[in-house]
Amino acid sequence: MKKLLCILFACAALASCTKEWKFSEDMAVNSTRINIPQLSPQDPEDPDKQAIGFVISVFSGTDWKVSVTNGSDWLRPKEKKGEGIGHVHFYFDDNLDNPARIAKVQFKASSGKSVVVNVVQDGNSEKASSISDYLL
């Protein structure tokens, strides 16, 4: 009987909670480095069409914008801006060159804070994982 009363009390206490959770950080992302394969994925329903390659999660208490500051010729975000907590989907081209290549993606909050994500793509003769963070 005592356990049942404790459980009922806990349920009533949780049900009375009304505070909404808000993310207080100006800008954060789920990763600051992403290694991707040499070849971009194809859309399974249309093999001639490129599918979305990867997603970066964004955590912000403000509006934000995304831009590819280096590598924009082969890496493209589907979304260019967002608000609060969201996701950005990226398309990328095949890398048929020998070396791996690096793109820099900048996420910038309306408050001015920014975060840079390094995207490293495998090449024919060099894997993304072989590039050290100090080279980025």
C-alpha atoms as a PDB file:
ATOM      1  CA  MET A   1       0.000   0.000   0.000  1.00  0.00           C
ATOM      2  CA  LYS A   2       2.864   2.355   0.859  1.00  0.00           C
ATOM      3  CA  LYS A   3       4.519   1.686  -2.525  1.00  0.00           C
ATOM      4  CA  LEU A   4       1.270   2.394  -4.331  1.00  0.00           C
ATOM      5  CA  LEU A   5       0.905   5.750  -2.561  1.00  0.00           C
ATOM      6  CA  CYS A   6       4.504   6.661  -3.438  1.00  0.00           C
ATOM      7  CA  ILE A   7       3.901   5.806  -7.096  1.00  0.00           C
ATOM      8  CA  LEU A   8       0.660   7.817  -7.183  1.00  0.00           C
ATOM      9  CA  PHE A   9       2.388  10.796  -5.530  1.00  0.00           C
ATOM     10  CA  ALA A  10       5.260  10.636  -8.058  1.00  0.00           C
ATOM     11  CA  CYS A  11       2.806  10.474 -10.980  1.00  0.00           C
ATOM     12  CA  ALA A  12       0.857  13.459  -9.632  1.00  0.00           C
ATOM     13  CA  ALA A  13       4.064  15.443  -9.165  1.00  0.00           C
ATOM     14  CA  LEU A  14       5.209  14.706 -12.726  1.00  0.00           C
ATOM     15  CA  ALA A  15       1.786  15.540 -14.160  1.00  0.00           C
ATOM     16  CA  SER A  16       1.830  18.959 -12.493  1.00  0.00           C
ATOM     17  CA  CYS A  17       5.127  19.938 -14.137  1.00  0.00           C
ATOM     18  CA  THR A  18       4.547  22.632 -16.743  1.00  0.00           C
ATOM     19  CA  LYS A  19       8.014  24.063 -17.342  1.00  0.00           C
ATOM     20  CA  GLU A  20       8.970  23.878 -21.008  1.00  0.00           C
ATOM     21  CA  TRP A  21      12.531  22.821 -21.812  1.00  0.00           C
ATOM     22  CA  LYS A  22      14.512  25.390 -23.805  1.00  0.00           C
ATOM     23  CA  PHE A  23      17.989  25.075 -25.232  1.00  0.00           C
ATOM     24  CA  SER A  24      20.025  27.962 -23.847  1.00  0.00           C
ATOM     25  CA  GLU A  25      23.202  27.558 -25.897  1.00  0.00           C
ATOM     26  CA  ASP A  26      23.636  29.979 -28.818  1.00  0.00           C
ATOM     27  CA  MET A  27      25.026  27.330 -31.190  1.00  0.00           C
ATOM     28  CA  ALA A  28      26.118  23.695 -31.023  1.00  0.00           C
ATOM     29  CA  VAL A  29      26.204  20.770 -33.481  1.00  0.00           C
ATOM     30  CA  ASN A  30      26.369  17.018 -32.986  1.00  0.00           C
ATOM     31  CA  SER A  31      29.845  16.668 -34.516  1.00  0.00           C
ATOM     32  CA  THR A  32      32.698  18.911 -35.639  1.00  0.00           C
ATOM     33  CA  ARG A  33      34.164  16.337 -38.055  1.00  0.00           C
ATOM     34  CA  ILE A  34      32.403  14.002 -40.458  1.00  0.00           C
ATOM     35  CA  ASN A  35      34.103  11.407 -42.696  1.00  0.00           C
ATOM     36  CA  ILE A  36      32.115  10.471 -45.792  1.00  0.00           C
ATOM     37  CA  PRO A  37      32.628   7.818 -48.489  1.00  0.00           C
ATOM     38  CA  GLN A  38      34.118   8.420 -51.919  1.00  0.00           C
ATOM     39  CA  LEU A  39      30.849   7.830 -53.755  1.00  0.00           C
ATOM     40  CA  SER A  40      27.601   9.639 -53.012  1.00  0.00           C
ATOM     41  CA  PRO A  41      24.522   7.512 -52.255  1.00  0.00           C
ATOM     42  CA  GLN A  42      21.920   7.089 -54.976  1.00  0.00           C
ATOM     43  CA  ASP A  43      18.180   7.404 -54.462  1.00  0.00           C
ATOM     44  CA  PRO A  44      16.846   3.794 -54.307  1.00  0.00           C
ATOM     45  CA  GLU A  45      13.640   4.823 -56.102  1.00  0.00           C
ATOM     46  CA  ASP A  46      15.518   6.643 -58.886  1.00  0.00           C
ATOM     47  CA  PRO A  47      19.097   5.341 -59.352  1.00  0.00           C
ATOM     48  CA  ASP A  48      19.953   8.288 -61.628  1.00  0.00           C
ATOM     49  CA  LYS A  49      19.133  10.741 -58.831  1.00  0.00           C
ATOM     50  CA  GLN A  50      21.468  11.540 -55.950  1.00  0.00           C
ATOM     51  CA  ALA A  51      20.150  10.839 -52.442  1.00  0.00           C
ATOM     52  CA  ILE A  52      20.839  12.906 -49.331  1.00  0.00           C
ATOM     53  CA  GLY A  53      24.264  11.877 -48.068  1.00  0.00           C
ATOM     54  CA  PHE A  54      24.291  12.815 -44.369  1.00  0.00           C
ATOM     55  CA  VAL A  55      22.619  14.956 -41.710  1.00  0.00           C
ATOM     56  CA  ILE A  56      24.048  17.340 -39.114  1.00  0.00           C
ATOM     57  CA  SER A  57      21.927  18.125 -36.047  1.00  0.00           C
ATOM     58  CA  VAL A  58      21.905  21.737 -34.881  1.00  0.00           C
ATOM     59  CA  PHE A  59      21.148  22.833 -31.320  1.00  0.00           C
ATOM     60  CA  SER A  60      20.482  26.526 -30.838  1.00  0.00           C
ATOM     61  CA  GLY A  61      18.393  28.904 -28.779  1.00  0.00           C
ATOM     62  CA  THR A  62      18.243  31.368 -31.704  1.00  0.00           C
ATOM     63  CA  ASP A  63      17.897  31.522 -35.488  1.00  0.00           C
ATOM     64  CA  TRP A  64      20.895  30.218 -37.451  1.00  0.00           C
ATOM     65  CA  LYS A  65      22.326  29.995 -40.966  1.00  0.00           C
ATOM     66  CA  VAL A  66      24.546  27.408 -42.627  1.00  0.00           C
ATOM     67  CA  SER A  67      27.119  27.941 -45.372  1.00  0.00           C
ATOM     68  CA  VAL A  68      29.848  25.876 -47.000  1.00  0.00           C
ATOM     69  CA  THR A  69      32.909  28.105 -46.746  1.00  0.00           C
ATOM     70  CA  ASN A  70      35.315  25.696 -48.473  1.00  0.00           C
ATOM     71  CA  GLY A  71      34.245  22.846 -50.769  1.00  0.00           C
ATOM     72  CA  SER A  72      30.995  24.375 -52.018  1.00  0.00           C
ATOM     73  CA  ASP A  73      31.696  22.959 -55.482  1.00  0.00           C
ATOM     74  CA  TRP A  74      31.022  19.402 -54.222  1.00  0.00           C
ATOM     75  CA  LEU A  75      29.102  19.734 -50.917  1.00  0.00           C
ATOM     76  CA  ARG A  76      25.620  21.287 -50.779  1.00  0.00           C
ATOM     77  CA  PRO A  77      23.257  21.788 -47.826  1.00  0.00           C
ATOM     78  CA  LYS A  78      19.570  21.220 -48.540  1.00  0.00           C
ATOM     79  CA  GLU A  79      18.573  23.739 -45.839  1.00  0.00           C
ATOM     80  CA  LYS A  80      20.320  27.126 -45.608  1.00  0.00           C
ATOM     81  CA  LYS A  81      18.828  28.310 -42.307  1.00  0.00           C
ATOM     82  CA  GLY A  82      16.819  27.215 -39.335  1.00  0.00           C
ATOM     83  CA  GLU A  83      15.529  28.094 -35.911  1.00  0.00           C
ATOM     84  CA  GLY A  84      16.188  26.443 -32.558  1.00  0.00           C
ATOM     85  CA  ILE A  85      16.875  22.724 -32.720  1.00  0.00           C
ATOM     86  CA  GLY A  86      16.940  21.312 -36.253  1.00  0.00           C
ATOM     87  CA  HIS A  87      18.725  19.263 -38.894  1.00  0.00           C
ATOM     88  CA  VAL A  88      20.592  20.077 -42.082  1.00  0.00           C
ATOM     89  CA  HIS A  89      20.694  17.475 -44.873  1.00  0.00           C
ATOM     90  CA  PHE A  90      23.712  17.449 -47.183  1.00  0.00           C
ATOM     91  CA  TYR A  91      24.250  16.216 -50.731  1.00  0.00           C
ATOM     92  CA  PHE A  92      27.766  15.511 -51.981  1.00  0.00           C
ATOM     93  CA  ASP A  93      29.383  14.607 -55.293  1.00  0.00           C
ATOM     94  CA  ASP A  94      31.596  11.596 -55.987  1.00  0.00           C
ATOM     95  CA  ASN A  95      35.310  12.126 -55.386  1.00  0.00           C
ATOM     96  CA  LEU A  96      37.048  10.488 -58.326  1.00  0.00           C
ATOM     97  CA  ASP A  97      40.400  12.165 -57.558  1.00  0.00           C
ATOM     98  CA  ASN A  98      43.218  10.375 -55.758  1.00  0.00           C
ATOM     99  CA  PRO A  99      43.480  12.410 -52.560  1.00  0.00           C
ATOM    100  CA  ALA A 100      40.803  12.855 -49.954  1.00  0.00           C
ATOM    101  CA  ARG A 101      39.230  16.314 -49.861  1.00  0.00           C
ATOM    102  CA  ILE A 102      38.058  18.625 -47.125  1.00  0.00           C
ATOM    103  CA  ALA A 103      35.093  20.988 -46.894  1.00  0.00           C
ATOM    104  CA  LYS A 104      34.329  23.441 -44.110  1.00  0.00           C
ATOM    105  CA  VAL A 105      30.718  24.054 -43.086  1.00  0.00           C
ATOM    106  CA  GLN A 106      29.910  27.037 -40.890  1.00  0.00           C
ATOM    107  CA  PHE A 107      26.849  27.222 -38.663  1.00  0.00           C
ATOM    108  CA  LYS A 108      26.251  30.772 -37.438  1.00  0.00           C
ATOM    109  CA  ALA A 109      23.692  31.810 -34.833  1.00  0.00           C
ATOM    110  CA  SER A 110      21.940  35.172 -35.073  1.00  0.00           C
ATOM    111  CA  SER A 111      23.769  36.071 -31.836  1.00  0.00           C
ATOM    112  CA  GLY A 112      27.055  35.879 -33.777  1.00  0.00           C
ATOM    113  CA  LYS A 113      28.425  32.622 -32.339  1.00  0.00           C
ATOM    114  CA  SER A 114      29.558  30.136 -34.980  1.00  0.00           C
ATOM    115  CA  VAL A 115      30.696  26.528 -35.166  1.00  0.00           C
ATOM    116  CA  VAL A 116      32.739  25.013 -38.015  1.00  0.00           C
ATOM    117  CA  VAL A 117      32.289  21.386 -39.079  1.00  0.00           C
ATOM    118  CA  ASN A 118      35.029  19.710 -41.142  1.00  0.00           C
ATOM    119  CA  VAL A 119      33.731  17.258 -43.742  1.00  0.00           C
ATOM    120  CA  VAL A 120      36.399  14.920 -45.136  1.00  0.00           C
ATOM    121  CA  GLN A 121      35.662  12.711 -48.157  1.00  0.00           C
ATOM    122  CA  ASP A 122      37.572   9.582 -49.193  1.00  0.00           C
ATOM    123  CA  GLY A 123      39.541   9.660 -52.452  1.00  0.00           C
ATOM    124  CA  ASN A 124      40.853   6.848 -54.685  1.00  0.00           C
ATOM    125  CA  SER A 125      44.211   6.608 -52.923  1.00  0.00           C
ATOM    126  CA  GLU A 126      43.549   8.313 -49.574  1.00  0.00           C
ATOM    127  CA  LYS A 127      40.927   7.628 -46.919  1.00  0.00           C
ATOM    128  CA  ALA A 128      39.279  10.420 -44.939  1.00  0.00           C
ATOM    129  CA  SER A 129      40.277   8.672 -41.706  1.00  0.00           C
ATOM    130  CA  SER A 130      43.980   9.072 -42.600  1.00  0.00           C
ATOM    131  CA  ILE A 131      43.742  12.867 -42.396  1.00  0.00           C
ATOM    132  CA  SER A 132      44.587  14.071 -38.900  1.00  0.00           C
ATOM    133  CA  ASP A 133      42.608  16.812 -37.194  1.00  0.00           C
ATOM    134  CA  TYR A 134      45.682  19.041 -37.102  1.00  0.00           C
ATOM    135  CA  LEU A 135      45.626  19.201 -40.928  1.00  0.00           C
ATOM    136  CA  LEU A 136      42.123  20.620 -40.888  1.00  0.00           C
END
